[in-house]
C-alpha cells in the first residue's frame, strides 16, 4: 500500500481509504461479522484511513464494535453538523449540534478521540457565522479530535481552503467530475498544505457501466456520472485508456499528487480486497490517458459542477 504525507498535518495516510457510508446504511446490527470482515480486510491489507459520519446510519457503531481494538492502526475520521438520530434534537449547523454530535460519535466509535472531524457539507453562510467552526476548535482544544476539516464542494470548498482554518478538505473528484482541478481547488490545497481527501474517486463505477450500455444506476449522483461518462465515450476512444474501467477510473484520480487519499466504499469484503489489489495497476496508469481525459472534460463541460 502506498503511503503519502497528508499535507502538512504530520500524518501519513494510505492512498486508498475506506468510505463507510455503505456499511452504515445497508447493513444492520445482525451484520456485525460482515462489517468486521470489511474493516479488518482493509486494515490487514494496509489501509489506515477510515472515513465515516454521524449520519451514516449505524456506521460509527459498527466501527466501534469491530475494530476499536485496533485503534492505533488507523486514522479515524468522522463528520458532524446534521441534527439527526438519538440525542440530537436541535437544528442543523449550530454550535450545540456539532458539539453534541462529536460527543456521541466518540461513544459510538468506542474511542476517546478521533483524528479528524469534518463539517459535513454546510454552505458558506453557515461557515461565515463561525459558531460551528468554534465547536470544532473547542473539540480540538479538549483533545476530542486531532484535526479539523471541511467536507464539501464548489464555492464552499474554496471558502474553506481560503480561510486557512481547516487542516483538511474532502471534496468530489473523478474522471467525469473534474471541477476541483479546473477551478484550481486542488492547486490551492497543495499551496496551503491542506490534506486532501477525495470522495467518489471511481464515479460509482459508471465508466464501465457506460461501456456496457447501462442507462441508470442506483444513486442519483451516479446517474449523473453515468450520463457524463456516456457523453465522454461518445466522443471517441480515449488515448492510453486501460482495458479495465476500474483501473482507468482509480488511476485517473490518483494520478493527481495533490490528492492524498481516495475513499472507496463497499459493504462486500471481496470488493474491498479487489479494490486494494487493483491499486498498483492504477498507480501505473499511462499519463496520456490522464491528459486526454482532462482535454475531453474541458470540451464537454456544460456546467458540470461538483455534485454535493
C-alpha atoms as a PDB file:
ATOM      1  CA  UNK A   1       0.000   0.000   0.000  1.00  0.00           C
ATOM      2  CA  UNK A   2       1.429   3.363  -0.997  1.00  0.00           C
ATOM      3  CA  UNK A   3       1.631   5.853   1.877  1.00  0.00           C
ATOM      4  CA  UNK A   4       1.954   9.625   1.499  1.00  0.00           C
ATOM      5  CA  UNK A   5       2.244  12.686   3.716  1.00  0.00           C
ATOM      6  CA  UNK A   6      -1.229  14.049   4.475  1.00  0.00           C
ATOM      7  CA  UNK A   7      -0.498  17.644   3.572  1.00  0.00           C
ATOM      8  CA  UNK A   8       1.211  19.384   6.473  1.00  0.00           C
ATOM      9  CA  UNK A   9      -0.824  17.559   9.142  1.00  0.00           C
ATOM     10  CA  UNK A  10       2.052  15.312  10.204  1.00  0.00           C
ATOM     11  CA  UNK A  11       0.058  12.178   9.344  1.00  0.00           C
ATOM     12  CA  UNK A  12       0.943   9.566   6.742  1.00  0.00           C
ATOM     13  CA  UNK A  13      -2.079   8.071   5.016  1.00  0.00           C
ATOM     14  CA  UNK A  14      -2.733   5.224   2.623  1.00  0.00           C
ATOM     15  CA  UNK A  15      -3.654   6.306  -0.907  1.00  0.00           C
ATOM     16  CA  UNK A  16      -6.884   4.328  -0.537  1.00  0.00           C
ATOM     17  CA  UNK A  17      -9.183   4.882   2.400  1.00  0.00           C
ATOM     18  CA  UNK A  18     -12.309   3.026   3.437  1.00  0.00           C
ATOM     19  CA  UNK A  19     -15.510   5.019   2.960  1.00  0.00           C
ATOM     20  CA  UNK A  20     -18.091   3.634   5.373  1.00  0.00           C
ATOM     21  CA  UNK A  21     -21.412   5.142   4.338  1.00  0.00           C
ATOM     22  CA  UNK A  22     -22.455   1.925   2.625  1.00  0.00           C
ATOM     23  CA  UNK A  23     -21.917  -0.393   5.579  1.00  0.00           C
ATOM     24  CA  UNK A  24     -23.766   2.055   7.793  1.00  0.00           C
ATOM     25  CA  UNK A  25     -26.820   2.472   5.596  1.00  0.00           C
ATOM     26  CA  UNK A  26     -27.108  -1.014   4.060  1.00  0.00           C
ATOM     27  CA  UNK A  27     -26.153  -3.288   6.950  1.00  0.00           C
ATOM     28  CA  UNK A  28     -27.758  -3.713  10.361  1.00  0.00           C
ATOM     29  CA  UNK A  29     -26.566  -4.979  13.729  1.00  0.00           C
ATOM     30  CA  UNK A  30     -27.105  -8.574  12.648  1.00  0.00           C
ATOM     31  CA  UNK A  31     -24.353  -7.971  10.062  1.00  0.00           C
ATOM     32  CA  UNK A  32     -21.591  -7.110  12.530  1.00  0.00           C
ATOM     33  CA  UNK A  33     -19.467 -10.024  11.315  1.00  0.00           C
ATOM     34  CA  UNK A  34     -19.708  -8.855   7.694  1.00  0.00           C
ATOM     35  CA  UNK A  35     -18.801  -5.283   8.666  1.00  0.00           C
ATOM     36  CA  UNK A  36     -15.891  -6.614  10.680  1.00  0.00           C
ATOM     37  CA  UNK A  37     -14.635  -8.589   7.693  1.00  0.00           C
ATOM     38  CA  UNK A  38     -14.719  -5.471   5.500  1.00  0.00           C
ATOM     39  CA  UNK A  39     -12.863  -3.366   8.038  1.00  0.00           C
ATOM     40  CA  UNK A  40     -10.341  -5.974   9.118  1.00  0.00           C
ATOM     41  CA  UNK A  41      -9.552  -6.839   5.486  1.00  0.00           C
ATOM     42  CA  UNK A  42      -8.906  -3.162   4.845  1.00  0.00           C
ATOM     43  CA  UNK A  43      -6.576  -2.821   7.826  1.00  0.00           C
ATOM     44  CA  UNK A  44      -4.792  -6.116   7.141  1.00  0.00           C
ATOM     45  CA  UNK A  45      -4.031  -5.003   3.571  1.00  0.00           C
ATOM     46  CA  UNK A  46      -2.603  -1.626   4.535  1.00  0.00           C
ATOM     47  CA  UNK A  47      -5.474   0.870   4.592  1.00  0.00           C
ATOM     48  CA  UNK A  48      -5.066   3.184   7.573  1.00  0.00           C
ATOM     49  CA  UNK A  49      -7.847   5.712   6.900  1.00  0.00           C
ATOM     50  CA  UNK A  50     -11.461   5.021   7.935  1.00  0.00           C
ATOM     51  CA  UNK A  51     -13.995   7.667   6.889  1.00  0.00           C
ATOM     52  CA  UNK A  52     -17.444   7.755   8.467  1.00  0.00           C
ATOM     53  CA  UNK A  53     -20.029  10.337   9.560  1.00  0.00           C
ATOM     54  CA  UNK A  54     -22.575  10.850  12.291  1.00  0.00           C
ATOM     55  CA  UNK A  55     -25.396  10.498   9.749  1.00  0.00           C
ATOM     56  CA  UNK A  56     -24.122   7.345   8.003  1.00  0.00           C
ATOM     57  CA  UNK A  57     -26.689   5.080   9.623  1.00  0.00           C
ATOM     58  CA  UNK A  58     -25.003   2.706  12.086  1.00  0.00           C
ATOM     59  CA  UNK A  59     -21.537   3.092  10.566  1.00  0.00           C
ATOM     60  CA  UNK A  60     -19.954   4.554  13.691  1.00  0.00           C
ATOM     61  CA  UNK A  61     -21.426   1.827  15.897  1.00  0.00           C
ATOM     62  CA  UNK A  62     -20.158  -0.906  13.569  1.00  0.00           C
ATOM     63  CA  UNK A  63     -16.656   0.544  13.695  1.00  0.00           C
ATOM     64  CA  UNK A  64     -16.821   0.689  17.475  1.00  0.00           C
ATOM     65  CA  UNK A  65     -17.976  -2.929  17.692  1.00  0.00           C
ATOM     66  CA  UNK A  66     -15.455  -4.408  15.255  1.00  0.00           C
ATOM     67  CA  UNK A  67     -12.092  -2.600  15.083  1.00  0.00           C
ATOM     68  CA  UNK A  68     -11.911  -0.400  18.185  1.00  0.00           C
ATOM     69  CA  UNK A  69      -9.349  -2.908  19.495  1.00  0.00           C
ATOM     70  CA  UNK A  70      -7.068  -1.895  16.577  1.00  0.00           C
ATOM     71  CA  UNK A  71      -7.435   1.841  17.202  1.00  0.00           C
ATOM     72  CA  UNK A  72      -3.718   2.630  16.942  1.00  0.00           C
ATOM     73  CA  UNK A  73      -3.553   1.206  13.394  1.00  0.00           C
ATOM     74  CA  UNK A  74      -5.672   3.808  11.600  1.00  0.00           C
ATOM     75  CA  UNK A  75      -6.723   7.421  11.334  1.00  0.00           C
ATOM     76  CA  UNK A  76     -10.371   7.638  12.399  1.00  0.00           C
ATOM     77  CA  UNK A  77     -12.366  10.292  10.574  1.00  0.00           C
ATOM     78  CA  UNK A  78     -15.970  11.400  11.096  1.00  0.00           C
ATOM     79  CA  UNK A  79     -18.249  14.301  10.174  1.00  0.00           C
ATOM     80  CA  UNK A  80     -20.715  16.435  12.111  1.00  0.00           C
ATOM     81  CA  UNK A  81     -23.329  19.121  11.673  1.00  0.00           C
ATOM     82  CA  UNK A  82     -26.672  17.442  10.973  1.00  0.00           C
ATOM     83  CA  UNK A  83     -29.159  17.146  13.850  1.00  0.00           C
ATOM     84  CA  UNK A  84     -30.108  13.522  13.202  1.00  0.00           C
ATOM     85  CA  UNK A  85     -30.605  10.482  15.363  1.00  0.00           C
ATOM     86  CA  UNK A  86     -30.634   9.846  19.064  1.00  0.00           C
ATOM     87  CA  UNK A  87     -29.744  12.716  21.353  1.00  0.00           C
ATOM     88  CA  UNK A  88     -29.676  15.464  18.707  1.00  0.00           C
ATOM     89  CA  UNK A  89     -32.945  17.374  18.817  1.00  0.00           C
ATOM     90  CA  UNK A  90     -31.846  20.851  17.801  1.00  0.00           C
ATOM     91  CA  UNK A  91     -31.162  22.417  14.408  1.00  0.00           C
ATOM     92  CA  UNK A  92     -28.531  21.670  11.809  1.00  0.00           C
ATOM     93  CA  UNK A  93     -25.370  23.761  11.850  1.00  0.00           C
ATOM     94  CA  UNK A  94     -25.355  25.076  15.405  1.00  0.00           C
ATOM     95  CA  UNK A  95     -22.578  25.040  17.990  1.00  0.00           C
ATOM     96  CA  UNK A  96     -24.613  22.723  20.210  1.00  0.00           C
ATOM     97  CA  UNK A  97     -25.388  20.240  17.430  1.00  0.00           C
ATOM     98  CA  UNK A  98     -21.747  19.941  16.364  1.00  0.00           C
ATOM     99  CA  UNK A  99     -20.572  19.644  19.980  1.00  0.00           C
ATOM    100  CA  UNK A 100     -23.150  17.007  20.884  1.00  0.00           C
ATOM    101  CA  UNK A 101     -22.586  15.118  17.625  1.00  0.00           C
ATOM    102  CA  UNK A 102     -18.871  14.816  18.335  1.00  0.00           C
ATOM    103  CA  UNK A 103     -19.505  13.541  21.857  1.00  0.00           C
ATOM    104  CA  UNK A 104     -21.991  10.997  20.539  1.00  0.00           C
ATOM    105  CA  UNK A 105     -19.542   9.886  17.831  1.00  0.00           C
ATOM    106  CA  UNK A 106     -16.874   9.176  20.442  1.00  0.00           C
ATOM    107  CA  UNK A 107     -19.298   6.963  22.349  1.00  0.00           C
ATOM    108  CA  UNK A 108     -20.429   5.134  19.231  1.00  0.00           C
ATOM    109  CA  UNK A 109     -16.890   4.645  17.964  1.00  0.00           C
ATOM    110  CA  UNK A 110     -15.711   3.384  21.361  1.00  0.00           C
ATOM    111  CA  UNK A 111     -12.752   5.748  21.436  1.00  0.00           C
ATOM    112  CA  UNK A 112     -11.503   8.697  23.450  1.00  0.00           C
ATOM    113  CA  UNK A 113     -10.602  10.735  20.384  1.00  0.00           C
ATOM    114  CA  UNK A 114     -10.858  10.829  16.609  1.00  0.00           C
ATOM    115  CA  UNK A 115      -8.116  12.002  14.307  1.00  0.00           C
ATOM    116  CA  UNK A 116     -10.323  14.280  12.236  1.00  0.00           C
ATOM    117  CA  UNK A 117     -13.786  15.834  12.500  1.00  0.00           C
ATOM    118  CA  UNK A 118     -15.156  17.498   9.375  1.00  0.00           C
ATOM    119  CA  UNK A 119     -18.108  19.826   8.892  1.00  0.00           C
ATOM    120  CA  UNK A 120     -20.433  17.847   6.655  1.00  0.00           C
ATOM    121  CA  UNK A 121     -21.138  19.923   3.525  1.00  0.00           C
ATOM    122  CA  UNK A 122     -22.680  23.040   5.007  1.00  0.00           C
ATOM    123  CA  UNK A 123     -22.858  26.208   2.906  1.00  0.00           C
ATOM    124  CA  UNK A 124     -20.864  29.415   3.080  1.00  0.00           C
ATOM    125  CA  UNK A 125     -23.449  31.304   5.212  1.00  0.00           C
ATOM    126  CA  UNK A 126     -23.157  28.657   7.942  1.00  0.00           C
ATOM    127  CA  UNK A 127     -19.378  28.757   7.745  1.00  0.00           C
ATOM    128  CA  UNK A 128     -19.292  32.539   7.962  1.00  0.00           C
ATOM    129  CA  UNK A 129     -21.327  32.589  11.189  1.00  0.00           C
ATOM    130  CA  UNK A 130     -18.356  30.974  12.897  1.00  0.00           C
ATOM    131  CA  UNK A 131     -20.220  29.039  15.610  1.00  0.00           C
ATOM    132  CA  UNK A 132     -19.762  25.598  14.086  1.00  0.00           C
ATOM    133  CA  UNK A 133     -16.098  26.276  13.375  1.00  0.00           C
ATOM    134  CA  UNK A 134     -15.676  27.294  17.001  1.00  0.00           C
ATOM    135  CA  UNK A 135     -17.288  23.999  18.041  1.00  0.00           C
ATOM    136  CA  UNK A 136     -14.633  22.112  16.074  1.00  0.00           C
ATOM    137  CA  UNK A 137     -11.851  24.221  17.527  1.00  0.00           C
ATOM    138  CA  UNK A 138     -13.144  23.669  21.064  1.00  0.00           C
ATOM    139  CA  UNK A 139     -13.267  19.903  20.424  1.00  0.00           C
ATOM    140  CA  UNK A 140      -9.680  20.008  19.198  1.00  0.00           C
ATOM    141  CA  UNK A 141      -8.589  22.029  22.245  1.00  0.00           C
ATOM    142  CA  UNK A 142     -10.281  19.471  24.502  1.00  0.00           C
ATOM    143  CA  UNK A 143      -8.405  16.592  22.846  1.00  0.00           C
ATOM    144  CA  UNK A 144     -11.501  15.064  21.273  1.00  0.00           C
ATOM    145  CA  UNK A 145     -10.048  15.428  17.768  1.00  0.00           C
ATOM    146  CA  UNK A 146      -6.538  15.941  16.472  1.00  0.00           C
ATOM    147  CA  UNK A 147      -7.547  17.778  13.286  1.00  0.00           C
ATOM    148  CA  UNK A 148     -10.497  19.744  11.921  1.00  0.00           C
ATOM    149  CA  UNK A 149     -11.689  19.774   8.324  1.00  0.00           C
ATOM    150  CA  UNK A 150     -14.403  20.635   5.849  1.00  0.00           C
ATOM    151  CA  UNK A 151     -16.209  18.216   3.544  1.00  0.00           C
ATOM    152  CA  UNK A 152     -17.888  19.860   0.577  1.00  0.00           C
ATOM    153  CA  UNK A 153     -17.683  21.160  -2.951  1.00  0.00           C
ATOM    154  CA  UNK A 154     -17.730  24.140  -5.313  1.00  0.00           C
ATOM    155  CA  UNK A 155     -17.601  27.657  -3.814  1.00  0.00           C
ATOM    156  CA  UNK A 156     -17.849  26.454  -0.206  1.00  0.00           C
ATOM    157  CA  UNK A 157     -14.791  24.240  -0.680  1.00  0.00           C
ATOM    158  CA  UNK A 158     -12.826  27.218  -1.964  1.00  0.00           C
ATOM    159  CA  UNK A 159     -14.016  29.279   1.030  1.00  0.00           C
ATOM    160  CA  UNK A 160     -12.845  26.585   3.416  1.00  0.00           C
ATOM    161  CA  UNK A 161      -9.348  26.421   1.929  1.00  0.00           C
ATOM    162  CA  UNK A 162      -9.048  30.203   1.579  1.00  0.00           C
ATOM    163  CA  UNK A 163      -9.983  30.659   5.239  1.00  0.00           C
ATOM    164  CA  UNK A 164      -6.821  28.922   6.438  1.00  0.00           C
ATOM    165  CA  UNK A 165      -8.846  27.440   9.312  1.00  0.00           C
ATOM    166  CA  UNK A 166      -9.048  23.804   8.293  1.00  0.00           C
ATOM    167  CA  UNK A 167      -6.353  21.139   8.246  1.00  0.00           C
ATOM    168  CA  UNK A 168      -8.101  19.096   5.563  1.00  0.00           C
ATOM    169  CA  UNK A 169     -10.603  19.205   2.719  1.00  0.00           C
ATOM    170  CA  UNK A 170     -12.780  16.364   1.476  1.00  0.00           C
ATOM    171  CA  UNK A 171     -14.215  17.005  -1.981  1.00  0.00           C
ATOM    172  CA  UNK A 172     -15.528  15.211  -5.068  1.00  0.00           C
ATOM    173  CA  UNK A 173     -13.167  14.339  -7.900  1.00  0.00           C
ATOM    174  CA  UNK A 174     -13.067  11.685 -10.614  1.00  0.00           C
ATOM    175  CA  UNK A 175     -12.667  11.321 -14.362  1.00  0.00           C
ATOM    176  CA  UNK A 176     -16.091  12.943 -15.040  1.00  0.00           C
ATOM    177  CA  UNK A 177     -16.020  15.270 -12.002  1.00  0.00           C
ATOM    178  CA  UNK A 178     -13.002  17.485 -12.573  1.00  0.00           C
ATOM    179  CA  UNK A 179     -14.048  20.917 -11.315  1.00  0.00           C
ATOM    180  CA  UNK A 180     -11.725  20.593  -8.304  1.00  0.00           C
ATOM    181  CA  UNK A 181      -8.915  20.539 -10.885  1.00  0.00           C
ATOM    182  CA  UNK A 182     -10.216  23.009 -13.459  1.00  0.00           C
ATOM    183  CA  UNK A 183     -11.128  25.685 -10.885  1.00  0.00           C
ATOM    184  CA  UNK A 184      -7.734  25.473  -9.186  1.00  0.00           C
ATOM    185  CA  UNK A 185      -9.048  23.990  -5.944  1.00  0.00           C
ATOM    186  CA  UNK A 186      -6.507  21.146  -5.849  1.00  0.00           C
ATOM    187  CA  UNK A 187      -3.654  23.509  -6.657  1.00  0.00           C
ATOM    188  CA  UNK A 188      -4.816  25.850  -3.898  1.00  0.00           C
ATOM    189  CA  UNK A 189      -4.816  22.951  -1.413  1.00  0.00           C
ATOM    190  CA  UNK A 190      -1.291  21.963  -2.402  1.00  0.00           C
ATOM    191  CA  UNK A 191      -0.010  25.510  -1.852  1.00  0.00           C
ATOM    192  CA  UNK A 192      -1.711  25.686   1.549  1.00  0.00           C
ATOM    193  CA  UNK A 193      -0.507  22.255   2.662  1.00  0.00           C
ATOM    194  CA  UNK A 194      -4.107  21.101   3.099  1.00  0.00           C
ATOM    195  CA  UNK A 195      -4.692  17.367   3.462  1.00  0.00           C
ATOM    196  CA  UNK A 196      -6.921  16.334   0.545  1.00  0.00           C
ATOM    197  CA  UNK A 197      -9.460  13.509   0.744  1.00  0.00           C
ATOM    198  CA  UNK A 198     -11.386  12.639  -2.412  1.00  0.00           C
ATOM    199  CA  UNK A 199     -14.851  11.129  -2.299  1.00  0.00           C
ATOM    200  CA  UNK A 200     -16.413   9.253  -5.241  1.00  0.00           C
ATOM    201  CA  UNK A 201     -12.987   8.643  -6.827  1.00  0.00           C
ATOM    202  CA  UNK A 202     -14.238   5.988  -9.265  1.00  0.00           C
ATOM    203  CA  UNK A 203     -17.506   7.789 -10.080  1.00  0.00           C
ATOM    204  CA  UNK A 204     -19.617   4.917  -8.792  1.00  0.00           C
ATOM    205  CA  UNK A 205     -18.045   2.555 -11.365  1.00  0.00           C
ATOM    206  CA  UNK A 206     -20.083   4.348 -14.043  1.00  0.00           C
ATOM    207  CA  UNK A 207     -17.212   4.493 -16.550  1.00  0.00           C
ATOM    208  CA  UNK A 208     -17.523   0.734 -17.015  1.00  0.00           C
ATOM    209  CA  UNK A 209     -21.311   0.839 -16.806  1.00  0.00           C
ATOM    210  CA  UNK A 210     -21.436   3.301 -19.698  1.00  0.00           C
ATOM    211  CA  UNK A 211     -19.245   0.982 -21.766  1.00  0.00           C
ATOM    212  CA  UNK A 212     -21.743  -1.799 -21.083  1.00  0.00           C
ATOM    213  CA  UNK A 213     -24.639   0.323 -22.305  1.00  0.00           C
ATOM    214  CA  UNK A 214     -26.321   0.747 -18.940  1.00  0.00           C
ATOM    215  CA  UNK A 215     -28.692   3.706 -18.669  1.00  0.00           C
ATOM    216  CA  UNK A 216     -29.326   4.039 -14.944  1.00  0.00           C
ATOM    217  CA  UNK A 217     -27.687   3.463 -11.572  1.00  0.00           C
ATOM    218  CA  UNK A 218     -28.926   3.075  -8.015  1.00  0.00           C
ATOM    219  CA  UNK A 219     -27.952   6.528  -6.746  1.00  0.00           C
ATOM    220  CA  UNK A 220     -28.995   9.860  -8.204  1.00  0.00           C
ATOM    221  CA  UNK A 221     -25.498  11.295  -8.386  1.00  0.00           C
ATOM    222  CA  UNK A 222     -24.271   8.117 -10.059  1.00  0.00           C
ATOM    223  CA  UNK A 223     -26.944   8.602 -12.715  1.00  0.00           C
ATOM    224  CA  UNK A 224     -25.369  11.975 -13.457  1.00  0.00           C
ATOM    225  CA  UNK A 225     -21.908  10.412 -13.614  1.00  0.00           C
ATOM    226  CA  UNK A 226     -23.249   7.723 -15.920  1.00  0.00           C
ATOM    227  CA  UNK A 227     -24.660  10.334 -18.295  1.00  0.00           C
ATOM    228  CA  UNK A 228     -21.358  12.220 -18.291  1.00  0.00           C
ATOM    229  CA  UNK A 229     -19.386   9.019 -18.898  1.00  0.00           C
ATOM    230  CA  UNK A 230     -21.570   8.173 -21.878  1.00  0.00           C
ATOM    231  CA  UNK A 231     -21.002  11.632 -23.370  1.00  0.00           C
ATOM    232  CA  UNK A 232     -17.231  11.370 -22.944  1.00  0.00           C
ATOM    233  CA  UNK A 233     -17.154   7.928 -24.537  1.00  0.00           C
ATOM    234  CA  UNK A 234     -19.406   9.033 -27.397  1.00  0.00           C
ATOM    235  CA  UNK A 235     -16.683  11.470 -28.425  1.00  0.00           C
ATOM    236  CA  UNK A 236     -14.435   8.519 -29.361  1.00  0.00           C
ATOM    237  CA  UNK A 237     -11.736   6.309 -27.912  1.00  0.00           C
ATOM    238  CA  UNK A 238      -9.552   7.927 -25.260  1.00  0.00           C
ATOM    239  CA  UNK A 239      -5.807   7.510 -25.959  1.00  0.00           C
ATOM    240  CA  UNK A 240      -3.951   5.404 -23.409  1.00  0.00           C
ATOM    241  CA  UNK A 241      -7.117   4.102 -21.755  1.00  0.00           C
ATOM    242  CA  UNK A 242      -6.622   0.911 -19.682  1.00  0.00           C
ATOM    243  CA  UNK A 243      -8.764  -2.077 -20.565  1.00  0.00           C
ATOM    244  CA  UNK A 244     -10.110  -2.330 -17.021  1.00  0.00           C
ATOM    245  CA  UNK A 245     -12.540   0.552 -16.343  1.00  0.00           C
ATOM    246  CA  UNK A 246     -11.920   0.472 -12.579  1.00  0.00           C
ATOM    247  CA  UNK A 247      -8.181   0.840 -13.155  1.00  0.00           C
ATOM    248  CA  UNK A 248      -8.945   3.695 -15.557  1.00  0.00           C
ATOM    249  CA  UNK A 249     -11.124   5.499 -13.028  1.00  0.00           C
ATOM    250  CA  UNK A 250      -8.960   4.883  -9.980  1.00  0.00           C
ATOM    251  CA  UNK A 251      -5.768   5.588 -11.872  1.00  0.00           C
ATOM    252  CA  UNK A 252      -7.043   8.898 -13.223  1.00  0.00           C
ATOM    253  CA  UNK A 253      -7.882  10.160  -9.751  1.00  0.00           C
ATOM    254  CA  UNK A 254      -4.686   9.003  -8.074  1.00  0.00           C
ATOM    255  CA  UNK A 255      -2.537  10.437 -10.879  1.00  0.00           C
ATOM    256  CA  UNK A 256      -3.044  13.835  -9.215  1.00  0.00           C
ATOM    257  CA  UNK A 257      -0.408  14.221  -6.472  1.00  0.00           C
ATOM    258  CA  UNK A 258      -2.447  16.920  -4.726  1.00  0.00           C
ATOM    259  CA  UNK A 259      -4.835  14.128  -3.696  1.00  0.00           C
ATOM    260  CA  UNK A 260      -3.583  12.236  -0.667  1.00  0.00           C
ATOM    261  CA  UNK A 261      -6.297   9.662  -0.015  1.00  0.00           C
ATOM    262  CA  UNK A 262      -9.224   8.460  -2.133  1.00  0.00           C
ATOM    263  CA  UNK A 263     -12.048   6.838  -0.203  1.00  0.00           C
ATOM    264  CA  UNK A 264     -13.878   3.912  -1.763  1.00  0.00           C
ATOM    265  CA  UNK A 265     -16.856   2.391  -0.023  1.00  0.00           C
ATOM    266  CA  UNK A 266     -18.231  -1.134  -0.044  1.00  0.00           C
ATOM    267  CA  UNK A 267     -20.118  -3.475   2.265  1.00  0.00           C
ATOM    268  CA  UNK A 268     -18.628  -6.507   0.485  1.00  0.00           C
ATOM    269  CA  UNK A 269     -15.354  -7.908   1.909  1.00  0.00           C
ATOM    270  CA  UNK A 270     -14.345  -9.321  -1.504  1.00  0.00           C
ATOM    271  CA  UNK A 271     -14.836  -5.955  -3.177  1.00  0.00           C
ATOM    272  CA  UNK A 272     -12.635  -4.314  -0.561  1.00  0.00           C
ATOM    273  CA  UNK A 273      -9.850  -6.799  -1.294  1.00  0.00           C
ATOM    274  CA  UNK A 274     -10.289  -6.346  -5.057  1.00  0.00           C
ATOM    275  CA  UNK A 275     -10.067  -2.558  -4.790  1.00  0.00           C
ATOM    276  CA  UNK A 276      -6.813  -2.781  -2.868  1.00  0.00           C
ATOM    277  CA  UNK A 277      -5.326  -5.349  -5.243  1.00  0.00           C
ATOM    278  CA  UNK A 278      -6.108  -3.004  -8.149  1.00  0.00           C
ATOM    279  CA  UNK A 279      -4.130  -0.140  -6.660  1.00  0.00           C
ATOM    280  CA  UNK A 280      -0.693  -0.952  -8.076  1.00  0.00           C
ATOM    281  CA  UNK A 281      -2.047  -1.171 -11.629  1.00  0.00           C
ATOM    282  CA  UNK A 282      -3.943   2.070 -11.132  1.00  0.00           C
ATOM    283  CA  UNK A 283      -0.846   3.898  -9.923  1.00  0.00           C
ATOM    284  CA  UNK A 284       0.947   2.870 -13.123  1.00  0.00           C
ATOM    285  CA  UNK A 285      -1.636   4.416 -15.431  1.00  0.00           C
ATOM    286  CA  UNK A 286      -0.478   5.974 -18.713  1.00  0.00           C
ATOM    287  CA  UNK A 287      -0.215   9.761 -18.401  1.00  0.00           C
ATOM    288  CA  UNK A 288      -1.554  10.041 -21.949  1.00  0.00           C
ATOM    289  CA  UNK A 289      -4.940   8.884 -20.690  1.00  0.00           C
ATOM    290  CA  UNK A 290      -4.948  11.401 -17.851  1.00  0.00           C
ATOM    291  CA  UNK A 291      -4.118  14.283 -20.187  1.00  0.00           C
ATOM    292  CA  UNK A 292      -6.688  13.146 -22.728  1.00  0.00           C
ATOM    293  CA  UNK A 293      -9.385  12.955 -20.060  1.00  0.00           C
ATOM    294  CA  UNK A 294      -8.586  16.500 -18.965  1.00  0.00           C
ATOM    295  CA  UNK A 295      -8.989  17.643 -22.561  1.00  0.00           C
ATOM    296  CA  UNK A 296     -12.215  15.689 -23.030  1.00  0.00           C
ATOM    297  CA  UNK A 297     -13.728  17.129 -19.844  1.00  0.00           C
ATOM    298  CA  UNK A 298     -12.820  20.670 -20.899  1.00  0.00           C
ATOM    299  CA  UNK A 299     -14.500  20.132 -24.253  1.00  0.00           C
ATOM    300  CA  UNK A 300     -17.713  18.709 -22.822  1.00  0.00           C
ATOM    301  CA  UNK A 301     -18.073  20.551 -19.515  1.00  0.00           C
ATOM    302  CA  UNK A 302     -21.529  22.107 -19.723  1.00  0.00           C
ATOM    303  CA  UNK A 303     -21.774  23.413 -16.166  1.00  0.00           C
ATOM    304  CA  UNK A 304     -20.596  20.036 -14.847  1.00  0.00           C
ATOM    305  CA  UNK A 305     -20.300  21.331 -11.297  1.00  0.00           C
ATOM    306  CA  UNK A 306     -19.255  19.133  -8.419  1.00  0.00           C
ATOM    307  CA  UNK A 307     -22.156  17.052  -7.139  1.00  0.00           C
ATOM    308  CA  UNK A 308     -22.907  17.574  -3.466  1.00  0.00           C
END
